[in-house]
Amino acid sequence: MSGIRFEIPKIIRHEDESIIEFRERLKEHLVEKEETESLHEKIVRVALSQVGERERAGGPNKTKYHDWYDAHGEYKYLGQPWCAIFVCWVLDQAGARLPTIQGEEFGQYPGAAGVSILREWMKQQGWMLGEEEDPLPGDVVFFPRSHVGFVLRSDEDFHAITVEGNTTLGAEQSLTEWVWVRRRLSVGCAFARVPENYSSPG
């Protein structure tokens, strides 16, 4: 991917590395936005730029992504799970804003806060990959347990390296959820690809 300088095996946090050290090392593999980068390169760049973002103090499921989403309507999703909201935020920042899929009676929310609703909509658009298709960087990954994120790369032994919102720091126990890079078993997952020529609604 020509517009992004990063090596996927190197963006997994080392066991002896602090969160701050990991974020600083990650920045070394990203470049500023380039006019020549593809939509999927933008998606990867934007998603990775958020690694280390976390829920605010005062309770779970309170993030800047909620603030962005809730600004588009009367119903407030603050306090609800936010992995799908994070996906919609990244797509918006990458120039692929989704139409209102959920909650249109309350406002013009960009996308959907519900994982199953987002997945069904992408299926209706014909964006879901077939079982024989390999996911690529920037593809959306839907996990079996109502969770969603982005693919960074396919890995060996039926795994994928992903970046996700509303997730933990891997094996570490924490009451706070983060945007983080994970290595996930890809068996049972479904994948969707936003078309390169996708145009956001006017």
N, C-alpha and C. Protein backbone atom coordinates (compact mmCIF):
# COMPACT_ATOMS: atom_id res chain seq x y z
N MET A 1 0.86 -1.18 0.00
CA MET A 1 0.00 0.00 0.00
C MET A 1 0.90 1.24 0.00
N SER A 2 0.94 1.96 -1.09
CA SER A 2 1.96 2.96 -1.32
C SER A 2 1.84 4.17 -0.42
N GLY A 3 0.66 4.51 0.07
CA GLY A 3 0.50 5.76 0.81
C GLY A 3 0.77 5.65 2.29
N ILE A 4 1.13 4.47 2.78
CA ILE A 4 1.30 4.26 4.22
C ILE A 4 2.61 3.53 4.46
N ARG A 5 3.43 4.06 5.35
CA ARG A 5 4.67 3.38 5.71
C ARG A 5 4.48 2.73 7.08
N PHE A 6 4.17 1.46 7.07
CA PHE A 6 4.14 0.72 8.31
C PHE A 6 4.34 -0.74 8.00
N GLU A 7 4.87 -1.47 8.95
CA GLU A 7 5.06 -2.91 8.80
C GLU A 7 4.21 -3.58 9.86
N ILE A 8 3.19 -4.31 9.42
CA ILE A 8 2.21 -4.87 10.34
C ILE A 8 2.84 -5.67 11.47
N PRO A 9 3.82 -6.56 11.22
CA PRO A 9 4.37 -7.32 12.35
C PRO A 9 4.96 -6.44 13.45
N LYS A 10 5.33 -5.19 13.13
CA LYS A 10 5.97 -4.33 14.11
C LYS A 10 4.99 -3.47 14.90
N ILE A 11 3.69 -3.54 14.57
CA ILE A 11 2.77 -2.68 15.30
C ILE A 11 2.02 -3.44 16.38
N ILE A 12 2.49 -4.62 16.72
CA ILE A 12 1.97 -5.32 17.88
C ILE A 12 2.79 -4.89 19.09
N ARG A 13 2.12 -4.57 20.16
CA ARG A 13 2.81 -4.06 21.35
C ARG A 13 3.70 -5.12 21.97
N HIS A 14 4.92 -4.75 22.28
CA HIS A 14 5.85 -5.64 22.95
C HIS A 14 5.43 -5.83 24.41
N GLU A 15 5.79 -6.98 24.97
CA GLU A 15 5.38 -7.28 26.35
C GLU A 15 5.93 -6.27 27.35
N ASP A 16 7.14 -5.75 27.09
CA ASP A 16 7.77 -4.83 28.03
C ASP A 16 7.59 -3.37 27.63
N GLU A 17 6.66 -3.10 26.73
CA GLU A 17 6.47 -1.76 26.19
C GLU A 17 5.25 -1.10 26.82
N SER A 18 5.40 0.15 27.26
CA SER A 18 4.26 0.87 27.83
C SER A 18 3.32 1.30 26.72
N ILE A 19 2.11 1.69 27.11
CA ILE A 19 1.14 2.15 26.13
C ILE A 19 1.65 3.39 25.41
N ILE A 20 2.25 4.31 26.14
CA ILE A 20 2.77 5.55 25.53
C ILE A 20 3.89 5.22 24.55
N GLU A 21 4.78 4.32 24.92
CA GLU A 21 5.88 3.93 24.03
C GLU A 21 5.35 3.28 22.76
N PHE A 22 4.33 2.46 22.91
CA PHE A 22 3.74 1.80 21.75
C PHE A 22 3.13 2.82 20.79
N ARG A 23 2.39 3.78 21.33
CA ARG A 23 1.76 4.80 20.48
C ARG A 23 2.81 5.61 19.74
N GLU A 24 3.91 5.95 20.40
CA GLU A 24 4.95 6.73 19.75
C GLU A 24 5.63 5.91 18.64
N ARG A 25 5.84 4.63 18.87
CA ARG A 25 6.45 3.79 17.84
C ARG A 25 5.51 3.63 16.65
N LEU A 26 4.22 3.55 16.94
CA LEU A 26 3.24 3.41 15.88
C LEU A 26 3.24 4.62 14.95
N LYS A 27 3.39 5.82 15.52
CA LYS A 27 3.37 7.04 14.73
C LYS A 27 4.49 7.06 13.70
N GLU A 28 5.58 6.36 13.99
CA GLU A 28 6.72 6.35 13.08
C GLU A 28 6.39 5.65 11.77
N HIS A 29 5.33 4.85 11.77
CA HIS A 29 4.98 4.08 10.58
C HIS A 29 3.86 4.74 9.77
N LEU A 30 3.43 5.92 10.18
CA LEU A 30 2.37 6.62 9.47
C LEU A 30 2.92 7.87 8.81
N VAL A 31 2.32 8.24 7.69
CA VAL A 31 2.70 9.47 7.02
C VAL A 31 1.49 10.37 6.93
N GLU A 32 1.72 11.61 6.61
CA GLU A 32 0.61 12.54 6.44
C GLU A 32 -0.23 12.13 5.24
N LYS A 33 -1.46 12.62 5.22
CA LYS A 33 -2.37 12.31 4.13
C LYS A 33 -1.77 12.72 2.80
N GLU A 34 -1.85 11.84 1.82
CA GLU A 34 -1.36 12.12 0.48
C GLU A 34 -2.52 12.08 -0.50
N GLU A 35 -2.45 12.94 -1.51
CA GLU A 35 -3.52 13.00 -2.49
C GLU A 35 -3.64 11.70 -3.27
N THR A 36 -2.55 10.95 -3.36
CA THR A 36 -2.56 9.74 -4.17
C THR A 36 -3.03 8.50 -3.43
N GLU A 37 -3.24 8.59 -2.12
CA GLU A 37 -3.61 7.38 -1.38
C GLU A 37 -5.03 6.95 -1.71
N SER A 38 -5.24 5.65 -1.70
CA SER A 38 -6.54 5.09 -2.00
C SER A 38 -7.47 5.22 -0.79
N LEU A 39 -8.75 4.94 -1.01
CA LEU A 39 -9.70 4.99 0.09
C LEU A 39 -9.29 4.04 1.20
N HIS A 40 -8.85 2.84 0.85
CA HIS A 40 -8.52 1.85 1.87
C HIS A 40 -7.24 2.21 2.61
N GLU A 41 -6.33 2.88 1.93
CA GLU A 41 -5.16 3.40 2.62
C GLU A 41 -5.56 4.48 3.63
N LYS A 42 -6.50 5.32 3.24
CA LYS A 42 -7.00 6.33 4.17
C LYS A 42 -7.65 5.69 5.39
N ILE A 43 -8.44 4.65 5.15
CA ILE A 43 -9.12 3.96 6.25
C ILE A 43 -8.09 3.42 7.25
N VAL A 44 -7.06 2.76 6.73
CA VAL A 44 -6.02 2.21 7.60
C VAL A 44 -5.30 3.31 8.36
N ARG A 45 -4.94 4.38 7.65
CA ARG A 45 -4.21 5.47 8.29
C ARG A 45 -5.04 6.11 9.40
N VAL A 46 -6.31 6.40 9.11
CA VAL A 46 -7.15 7.03 10.12
C VAL A 46 -7.36 6.11 11.31
N ALA A 47 -7.64 4.83 11.06
CA ALA A 47 -7.88 3.89 12.15
C ALA A 47 -6.65 3.76 13.05
N LEU A 48 -5.48 3.64 12.43
CA LEU A 48 -4.25 3.49 13.22
C LEU A 48 -3.92 4.76 13.99
N SER A 49 -4.32 5.91 13.47
CA SER A 49 -4.04 7.16 14.18
C SER A 49 -4.80 7.25 15.50
N GLN A 50 -5.80 6.40 15.67
CA GLN A 50 -6.62 6.44 16.88
C GLN A 50 -6.19 5.42 17.94
N VAL A 51 -5.22 4.60 17.62
CA VAL A 51 -4.78 3.57 18.57
C VAL A 51 -4.31 4.23 19.87
N GLY A 52 -4.84 3.78 20.98
CA GLY A 52 -4.53 4.35 22.28
C GLY A 52 -5.61 5.26 22.81
N GLU A 53 -6.58 5.64 21.95
CA GLU A 53 -7.73 6.40 22.44
C GLU A 53 -8.54 5.50 23.38
N ARG A 54 -9.12 6.09 24.41
CA ARG A 54 -9.80 5.28 25.42
C ARG A 54 -11.07 5.97 25.90
N GLU A 55 -11.85 5.22 26.65
CA GLU A 55 -13.07 5.78 27.24
C GLU A 55 -12.71 6.82 28.28
N ARG A 56 -13.58 7.81 28.42
CA ARG A 56 -13.36 8.85 29.41
C ARG A 56 -13.66 8.35 30.81
N ALA A 57 -13.16 9.08 31.78
CA ALA A 57 -13.50 8.78 33.16
C ALA A 57 -14.97 9.07 33.40
N GLY A 58 -15.54 8.39 34.37
CA GLY A 58 -16.94 8.64 34.70
C GLY A 58 -17.88 7.55 34.24
N GLY A 59 -17.30 6.44 33.77
CA GLY A 59 -18.16 5.34 33.37
C GLY A 59 -17.77 4.79 32.01
N PRO A 60 -18.17 3.56 31.72
CA PRO A 60 -17.84 2.95 30.43
C PRO A 60 -18.64 3.55 29.29
N ASN A 61 -18.16 3.32 28.06
CA ASN A 61 -18.87 3.71 26.84
C ASN A 61 -19.13 5.22 26.75
N LYS A 62 -18.09 5.98 27.10
CA LYS A 62 -18.15 7.43 26.93
C LYS A 62 -16.88 7.85 26.19
N THR A 63 -17.01 8.23 24.93
CA THR A 63 -15.86 8.53 24.10
C THR A 63 -16.12 9.73 23.20
N LYS A 64 -15.08 10.19 22.55
CA LYS A 64 -15.24 11.27 21.58
C LYS A 64 -16.04 10.80 20.37
N TYR A 65 -16.04 9.49 20.14
CA TYR A 65 -16.81 8.94 19.02
C TYR A 65 -18.31 9.03 19.30
N HIS A 66 -18.69 8.81 20.55
CA HIS A 66 -20.09 9.04 20.94
C HIS A 66 -20.47 10.50 20.73
N ASP A 67 -19.59 11.42 21.13
CA ASP A 67 -19.88 12.85 20.99
C ASP A 67 -20.15 13.20 19.53
N TRP A 68 -19.31 12.68 18.65
CA TRP A 68 -19.46 12.92 17.21
C TRP A 68 -20.78 12.36 16.71
N TYR A 69 -21.09 11.13 17.07
CA TYR A 69 -22.29 10.46 16.58
C TYR A 69 -23.54 11.14 17.13
N ASP A 70 -23.55 11.43 18.41
CA ASP A 70 -24.73 12.01 19.06
C ASP A 70 -25.03 13.42 18.58
N ALA A 71 -24.04 14.10 18.01
CA ALA A 71 -24.25 15.46 17.52
C ALA A 71 -25.18 15.50 16.31
N HIS A 72 -25.48 14.32 15.75
CA HIS A 72 -26.28 14.27 14.54
C HIS A 72 -27.76 13.95 14.78
N GLY A 73 -28.19 13.88 16.04
CA GLY A 73 -29.60 13.58 16.28
C GLY A 73 -30.01 13.80 17.72
N GLU A 74 -31.28 13.63 17.98
CA GLU A 74 -31.85 13.87 19.30
C GLU A 74 -31.62 12.71 20.26
N TYR A 75 -31.65 11.48 19.74
CA TYR A 75 -31.41 10.31 20.60
C TYR A 75 -29.92 10.21 20.90
N LYS A 76 -29.56 9.94 22.13
CA LYS A 76 -28.17 9.92 22.53
C LYS A 76 -27.69 8.49 22.78
N TYR A 77 -26.61 8.13 22.11
CA TYR A 77 -26.04 6.79 22.22
C TYR A 77 -24.91 6.73 23.25
N LEU A 78 -24.61 7.86 23.90
CA LEU A 78 -23.60 7.88 24.94
C LEU A 78 -23.95 6.85 26.00
N GLY A 79 -22.98 6.00 26.34
CA GLY A 79 -23.22 4.94 27.32
C GLY A 79 -23.48 3.59 26.68
N GLN A 80 -23.58 3.55 25.36
CA GLN A 80 -23.81 2.29 24.66
C GLN A 80 -22.51 1.82 24.02
N PRO A 81 -22.39 0.51 23.75
CA PRO A 81 -21.18 -0.01 23.09
C PRO A 81 -20.85 0.77 21.82
N TRP A 82 -19.56 0.91 21.52
CA TRP A 82 -19.17 1.87 20.50
C TRP A 82 -18.27 1.33 19.39
N CYS A 83 -18.15 0.03 19.24
CA CYS A 83 -17.29 -0.49 18.17
C CYS A 83 -17.82 -0.10 16.79
N ALA A 84 -19.14 -0.17 16.58
CA ALA A 84 -19.71 0.20 15.28
C ALA A 84 -19.63 1.71 15.07
N ILE A 85 -19.82 2.49 16.13
CA ILE A 85 -19.68 3.94 16.01
C ILE A 85 -18.26 4.30 15.60
N PHE A 86 -17.28 3.61 16.17
CA PHE A 86 -15.88 3.85 15.79
C PHE A 86 -15.66 3.57 14.31
N VAL A 87 -16.20 2.47 13.82
CA VAL A 87 -16.07 2.14 12.40
C VAL A 87 -16.67 3.25 11.53
N CYS A 88 -17.86 3.72 11.91
CA CYS A 88 -18.51 4.79 11.15
C CYS A 88 -17.70 6.08 11.20
N TRP A 89 -17.09 6.37 12.36
CA TRP A 89 -16.25 7.57 12.50
C TRP A 89 -15.04 7.49 11.59
N VAL A 90 -14.37 6.35 11.57
CA VAL A 90 -13.19 6.18 10.73
C VAL A 90 -13.56 6.36 9.25
N LEU A 91 -14.65 5.72 8.83
CA LEU A 91 -15.07 5.85 7.44
C LEU A 91 -15.37 7.30 7.09
N ASP A 92 -16.01 8.00 8.01
CA ASP A 92 -16.32 9.41 7.79
C ASP A 92 -15.04 10.23 7.62
N GLN A 93 -14.07 10.01 8.50
CA GLN A 93 -12.82 10.76 8.45
C GLN A 93 -11.99 10.42 7.21
N ALA A 94 -12.20 9.22 6.69
CA ALA A 94 -11.48 8.78 5.49
C ALA A 94 -12.18 9.23 4.20
N GLY A 95 -13.32 9.92 4.34
CA GLY A 95 -14.05 10.41 3.17
C GLY A 95 -15.10 9.47 2.65
N ALA A 96 -15.50 8.49 3.48
CA ALA A 96 -16.51 7.51 3.07
C ALA A 96 -17.67 7.53 4.06
N ARG A 97 -18.22 8.69 4.29
CA ARG A 97 -19.33 8.84 5.23
C ARG A 97 -20.51 7.98 4.80
N LEU A 98 -21.06 7.23 5.73
CA LEU A 98 -22.21 6.37 5.44
C LEU A 98 -23.50 7.16 5.58
N PRO A 99 -24.55 6.74 4.87
CA PRO A 99 -25.85 7.38 5.06
C PRO A 99 -26.46 6.98 6.39
N THR A 100 -27.56 7.58 6.75
CA THR A 100 -28.25 7.21 7.99
C THR A 100 -28.86 5.82 7.82
N ILE A 101 -28.40 4.88 8.62
CA ILE A 101 -28.86 3.50 8.55
C ILE A 101 -29.78 3.18 9.72
N GLN A 102 -29.56 3.83 10.84
CA GLN A 102 -30.27 3.56 12.08
C GLN A 102 -30.67 4.87 12.74
N GLY A 103 -31.87 4.91 13.29
CA GLY A 103 -32.31 6.06 14.07
C GLY A 103 -32.70 7.26 13.26
N GLU A 104 -33.15 7.07 12.01
CA GLU A 104 -33.46 8.22 11.17
C GLU A 104 -34.66 9.01 11.68
N GLU A 105 -35.46 8.40 12.55
CA GLU A 105 -36.59 9.13 13.13
C GLU A 105 -36.12 10.17 14.14
N PHE A 106 -34.85 10.06 14.57
CA PHE A 106 -34.31 10.99 15.57
C PHE A 106 -33.29 11.97 14.99
N GLY A 107 -32.78 11.70 13.78
CA GLY A 107 -31.78 12.57 13.21
C GLY A 107 -31.10 11.95 12.02
N GLN A 108 -29.99 12.54 11.62
CA GLN A 108 -29.24 12.08 10.46
C GLN A 108 -27.90 11.49 10.90
N TYR A 109 -27.97 10.38 11.63
CA TYR A 109 -26.75 9.73 12.11
C TYR A 109 -25.98 9.12 10.94
N PRO A 110 -24.66 9.30 10.90
CA PRO A 110 -23.85 8.74 9.82
C PRO A 110 -23.51 7.27 10.06
N GLY A 111 -24.33 6.38 9.53
CA GLY A 111 -24.09 4.95 9.72
C GLY A 111 -25.04 4.35 10.72
N ALA A 112 -24.52 3.45 11.56
CA ALA A 112 -25.35 2.75 12.54
C ALA A 112 -24.53 2.45 13.78
N ALA A 113 -25.17 2.51 14.94
CA ALA A 113 -24.51 2.18 16.20
C ALA A 113 -24.57 0.69 16.49
N GLY A 114 -25.48 -0.02 15.84
CA GLY A 114 -25.64 -1.45 16.06
C GLY A 114 -24.85 -2.27 15.06
N VAL A 115 -24.10 -3.25 15.56
CA VAL A 115 -23.25 -4.07 14.69
C VAL A 115 -24.08 -4.85 13.69
N SER A 116 -25.13 -5.51 14.15
CA SER A 116 -25.94 -6.33 13.25
C SER A 116 -26.64 -5.48 12.19
N ILE A 117 -27.05 -4.27 12.57
CA ILE A 117 -27.70 -3.36 11.61
C ILE A 117 -26.70 -2.90 10.56
N LEU A 118 -25.48 -2.57 10.99
CA LEU A 118 -24.44 -2.16 10.06
C LEU A 118 -24.08 -3.30 9.10
N ARG A 119 -23.96 -4.49 9.64
CA ARG A 119 -23.62 -5.65 8.80
C ARG A 119 -24.72 -5.93 7.77
N GLU A 120 -25.98 -5.89 8.18
CA GLU A 120 -27.08 -6.16 7.26
C GLU A 120 -27.12 -5.12 6.15
N TRP A 121 -26.86 -3.86 6.50
CA TRP A 121 -26.86 -2.82 5.48
C TRP A 121 -25.75 -3.05 4.47
N MET A 122 -24.55 -3.39 4.94
CA MET A 122 -23.44 -3.65 4.02
C MET A 122 -23.73 -4.86 3.15
N LYS A 123 -24.41 -5.83 3.72
CA LYS A 123 -24.81 -6.99 2.92
C LYS A 123 -25.77 -6.57 1.81
N GLN A 124 -26.72 -5.70 2.13
CA GLN A 124 -27.67 -5.22 1.13
C GLN A 124 -26.99 -4.44 0.01
N GLN A 125 -25.86 -3.79 0.35
CA GLN A 125 -25.12 -3.04 -0.67
C GLN A 125 -24.25 -3.93 -1.54
N GLY A 126 -24.14 -5.21 -1.17
CA GLY A 126 -23.28 -6.13 -1.91
C GLY A 126 -21.81 -6.00 -1.56
N TRP A 127 -21.52 -5.48 -0.37
CA TRP A 127 -20.15 -5.25 0.04
C TRP A 127 -19.50 -6.44 0.73
N MET A 128 -20.28 -7.44 1.14
CA MET A 128 -19.70 -8.56 1.87
C MET A 128 -18.84 -9.43 0.96
N LEU A 129 -17.71 -9.89 1.47
CA LEU A 129 -16.82 -10.74 0.69
C LEU A 129 -17.31 -12.18 0.69
N GLY A 130 -17.02 -12.90 -0.39
CA GLY A 130 -17.34 -14.32 -0.45
C GLY A 130 -16.37 -15.12 0.40
N GLU A 131 -16.72 -16.35 0.69
CA GLU A 131 -15.90 -17.19 1.56
C GLU A 131 -14.51 -17.44 0.99
N GLU A 132 -14.38 -17.39 -0.34
CA GLU A 132 -13.09 -17.66 -0.96
C GLU A 132 -12.23 -16.42 -1.12
N GLU A 133 -12.76 -15.25 -0.78
CA GLU A 133 -12.02 -14.00 -0.92
C GLU A 133 -11.23 -13.69 0.35
N ASP A 134 -9.99 -13.32 0.18
CA ASP A 134 -9.15 -12.95 1.33
C ASP A 134 -9.36 -11.47 1.67
N PRO A 135 -9.50 -11.15 2.95
CA PRO A 135 -9.64 -9.75 3.34
C PRO A 135 -8.35 -8.97 3.10
N LEU A 136 -8.52 -7.69 2.80
CA LEU A 136 -7.39 -6.80 2.55
C LEU A 136 -7.36 -5.69 3.59
N PRO A 137 -6.22 -5.00 3.74
CA PRO A 137 -6.16 -3.88 4.67
C PRO A 137 -7.25 -2.85 4.37
N GLY A 138 -7.94 -2.43 5.42
CA GLY A 138 -9.02 -1.47 5.27
C GLY A 138 -10.40 -2.09 5.17
N ASP A 139 -10.47 -3.41 5.02
CA ASP A 139 -11.77 -4.08 5.01
C ASP A 139 -12.38 -4.07 6.40
N VAL A 140 -13.69 -4.11 6.46
CA VAL A 140 -14.42 -4.17 7.73
C VAL A 140 -14.54 -5.64 8.13
N VAL A 141 -14.28 -5.95 9.39
CA VAL A 141 -14.41 -7.32 9.88
C VAL A 141 -15.50 -7.38 10.94
N PHE A 142 -16.44 -8.30 10.74
CA PHE A 142 -17.51 -8.55 11.70
C PHE A 142 -17.20 -9.85 12.43
N PHE A 143 -17.06 -9.76 13.74
CA PHE A 143 -16.74 -10.92 14.56
C PHE A 143 -18.03 -11.64 14.97
N PRO A 144 -17.92 -12.91 15.34
CA PRO A 144 -19.12 -13.69 15.68
C PRO A 144 -19.92 -13.12 16.84
N ARG A 145 -19.28 -12.46 17.79
CA ARG A 145 -19.98 -12.00 19.00
C ARG A 145 -20.31 -10.51 18.94
N SER A 146 -20.99 -10.09 17.90
CA SER A 146 -21.51 -8.72 17.79
C SER A 146 -20.42 -7.68 18.05
N HIS A 147 -19.35 -7.78 17.30
CA HIS A 147 -18.23 -6.83 17.42
C HIS A 147 -17.72 -6.57 16.02
N VAL A 148 -17.13 -5.38 15.79
CA VAL A 148 -16.70 -5.01 14.45
C VAL A 148 -15.44 -4.16 14.53
N GLY A 149 -14.61 -4.24 13.51
CA GLY A 149 -13.38 -3.44 13.45
C GLY A 149 -12.88 -3.41 12.01
N PHE A 150 -11.58 -3.15 11.86
CA PHE A 150 -10.97 -3.09 10.54
C PHE A 150 -9.82 -4.08 10.44
N VAL A 151 -9.62 -4.62 9.25
CA VAL A 151 -8.50 -5.52 8.98
C VAL A 151 -7.26 -4.70 8.67
N LEU A 152 -6.14 -5.08 9.27
CA LEU A 152 -4.85 -4.53 8.88
C LEU A 152 -4.13 -5.49 7.95
N ARG A 153 -4.24 -6.78 8.24
CA ARG A 153 -3.68 -7.78 7.35
C ARG A 153 -4.12 -9.17 7.78
N SER A 154 -4.10 -10.10 6.85
CA SER A 154 -4.31 -11.50 7.20
C SER A 154 -3.01 -12.05 7.78
N ASP A 155 -3.14 -12.92 8.76
CA ASP A 155 -1.97 -13.48 9.41
C ASP A 155 -2.02 -15.00 9.30
N GLU A 156 -0.95 -15.65 9.68
CA GLU A 156 -0.88 -17.10 9.57
C GLU A 156 -1.81 -17.78 10.58
N ASP A 157 -2.05 -19.05 10.36
CA ASP A 157 -2.85 -19.88 11.27
C ASP A 157 -4.27 -19.36 11.43
N PHE A 158 -4.87 -18.88 10.32
CA PHE A 158 -6.28 -18.45 10.32
C PHE A 158 -6.53 -17.28 11.28
N HIS A 159 -5.58 -16.36 11.35
CA HIS A 159 -5.72 -15.18 12.18
C HIS A 159 -5.67 -13.92 11.31
N ALA A 160 -6.10 -12.81 11.90
CA ALA A 160 -6.01 -11.52 11.23
C ALA A 160 -5.54 -10.49 12.25
N ILE A 161 -4.74 -9.54 11.78
CA ILE A 161 -4.35 -8.41 12.61
C ILE A 161 -5.39 -7.33 12.36
N THR A 162 -5.98 -6.80 13.43
CA THR A 162 -7.09 -5.86 13.29
C THR A 162 -6.86 -4.62 14.15
N VAL A 163 -7.61 -3.57 13.85
CA VAL A 163 -7.68 -2.41 14.74
C VAL A 163 -9.15 -2.20 15.05
N GLU A 164 -9.46 -2.06 16.35
CA GLU A 164 -10.85 -2.05 16.80
C GLU A 164 -11.05 -0.98 17.87
N GLY A 165 -12.26 -0.47 17.93
CA GLY A 165 -12.68 0.35 19.06
C GLY A 165 -13.46 -0.51 20.03
N ASN A 166 -13.59 -0.03 21.27
CA ASN A 166 -14.38 -0.74 22.28
C ASN A 166 -13.81 -2.13 22.56
N THR A 167 -12.47 -2.18 22.72
CA THR A 167 -11.81 -3.45 22.96
C THR A 167 -10.82 -3.29 24.12
N THR A 168 -10.33 -4.41 24.61
CA THR A 168 -9.36 -4.41 25.70
C THR A 168 -7.95 -4.38 25.13
N LEU A 169 -6.96 -4.35 26.01
CA LEU A 169 -5.56 -4.35 25.58
C LEU A 169 -5.04 -5.77 25.47
N GLY A 170 -5.83 -6.66 24.90
CA GLY A 170 -5.40 -8.04 24.76
C GLY A 170 -5.63 -8.81 26.04
N ALA A 171 -4.54 -9.38 26.58
CA ALA A 171 -4.66 -10.22 27.78
C ALA A 171 -4.80 -9.40 29.05
N GLU A 172 -4.52 -8.10 28.98
CA GLU A 172 -4.57 -7.28 30.18
C GLU A 172 -6.01 -7.04 30.63
N GLN A 173 -6.22 -7.03 31.91
CA GLN A 173 -7.54 -6.77 32.47
C GLN A 173 -7.69 -5.28 32.77
N SER A 174 -8.76 -4.70 32.29
CA SER A 174 -8.97 -3.28 32.49
C SER A 174 -10.46 -2.99 32.45
N LEU A 175 -10.89 -2.03 33.26
CA LEU A 175 -12.28 -1.60 33.23
C LEU A 175 -12.52 -0.61 32.09
N THR A 176 -11.45 -0.15 31.48
CA THR A 176 -11.54 0.82 30.39
C THR A 176 -11.33 0.13 29.06
N GLU A 177 -12.13 0.51 28.08
CA GLU A 177 -11.98 -0.03 26.72
C GLU A 177 -11.26 0.98 25.85
N TRP A 178 -10.58 0.48 24.83
CA TRP A 178 -9.66 1.27 24.03
C TRP A 178 -9.92 1.10 22.53
N VAL A 179 -9.20 1.93 21.74
CA VAL A 179 -8.93 1.61 20.34
C VAL A 179 -7.57 0.92 20.36
N TRP A 180 -7.52 -0.28 19.80
CA TRP A 180 -6.28 -1.05 19.94
C TRP A 180 -6.08 -2.01 18.78
N VAL A 181 -4.83 -2.43 18.61
CA VAL A 181 -4.47 -3.43 17.59
C VAL A 181 -4.54 -4.80 18.23
N ARG A 182 -5.24 -5.71 17.57
CA ARG A 182 -5.42 -7.06 18.10
C ARG A 182 -5.03 -8.11 17.05
N ARG A 183 -4.69 -9.29 17.52
CA ARG A 183 -4.53 -10.46 16.64
C ARG A 183 -5.68 -11.40 16.95
N ARG A 184 -6.54 -11.60 15.96
CA ARG A 184 -7.80 -12.31 16.17
C ARG A 184 -7.89 -13.56 15.29
N LEU A 185 -8.56 -14.57 15.81
CA LEU A 185 -8.90 -15.73 15.00
C LEU A 185 -9.94 -15.30 13.97
N SER A 186 -9.67 -15.54 12.72
CA SER A 186 -10.56 -15.07 11.66
C SER A 186 -11.63 -16.09 11.28
N VAL A 187 -11.54 -17.29 11.82
CA VAL A 187 -12.56 -18.30 11.55
C VAL A 187 -13.90 -17.84 12.11
N GLY A 188 -14.93 -17.87 11.30
CA GLY A 188 -16.25 -17.44 11.73
C GLY A 188 -16.52 -15.96 11.53
N CYS A 189 -15.51 -15.21 11.10
CA CYS A 189 -15.71 -13.79 10.85
C CYS A 189 -16.28 -13.56 9.45
N ALA A 190 -16.92 -12.43 9.27
CA ALA A 190 -17.40 -12.00 7.96
C ALA A 190 -16.71 -10.68 7.63
N PHE A 191 -16.48 -10.44 6.35
CA PHE A 191 -15.72 -9.27 5.93
C PHE A 191 -16.49 -8.48 4.89
N ALA A 192 -16.33 -7.17 4.93
CA ALA A 192 -16.98 -6.29 3.95
C ALA A 192 -15.94 -5.31 3.42
N ARG A 193 -16.12 -4.93 2.16
CA ARG A 193 -15.18 -4.00 1.52
C ARG A 193 -15.95 -2.82 0.96
N VAL A 194 -15.63 -1.62 1.45
CA VAL A 194 -16.22 -0.40 0.91
C VAL A 194 -15.65 -0.19 -0.48
N PRO A 195 -16.48 -0.03 -1.50
CA PRO A 195 -15.95 0.15 -2.86
C PRO A 195 -15.02 1.36 -2.95
N GLU A 196 -13.97 1.21 -3.71
CA GLU A 196 -12.99 2.29 -3.87
C GLU A 196 -13.64 3.55 -4.43
N ASN A 197 -14.66 3.37 -5.26
CA ASN A 197 -15.32 4.52 -5.89
C ASN A 197 -16.58 4.96 -5.13
N TYR A 198 -16.70 4.54 -3.86
CA TYR A 198 -17.87 4.90 -3.07
C TYR A 198 -17.99 6.41 -2.91
N SER A 199 -19.19 6.93 -3.09
CA SER A 199 -19.43 8.36 -2.91
C SER A 199 -20.35 8.56 -1.71
N SER A 200 -19.93 9.39 -0.78
CA SER A 200 -20.74 9.69 0.39
C SER A 200 -22.01 10.42 -0.02
N PRO A 201 -23.11 10.23 0.73
CA PRO A 201 -24.35 10.94 0.41
C PRO A 201 -24.17 12.44 0.51
N GLY A 202 -24.87 13.17 -0.34
CA GLY A 202 -24.73 14.62 -0.36
C GLY A 202 -25.35 15.30 0.84
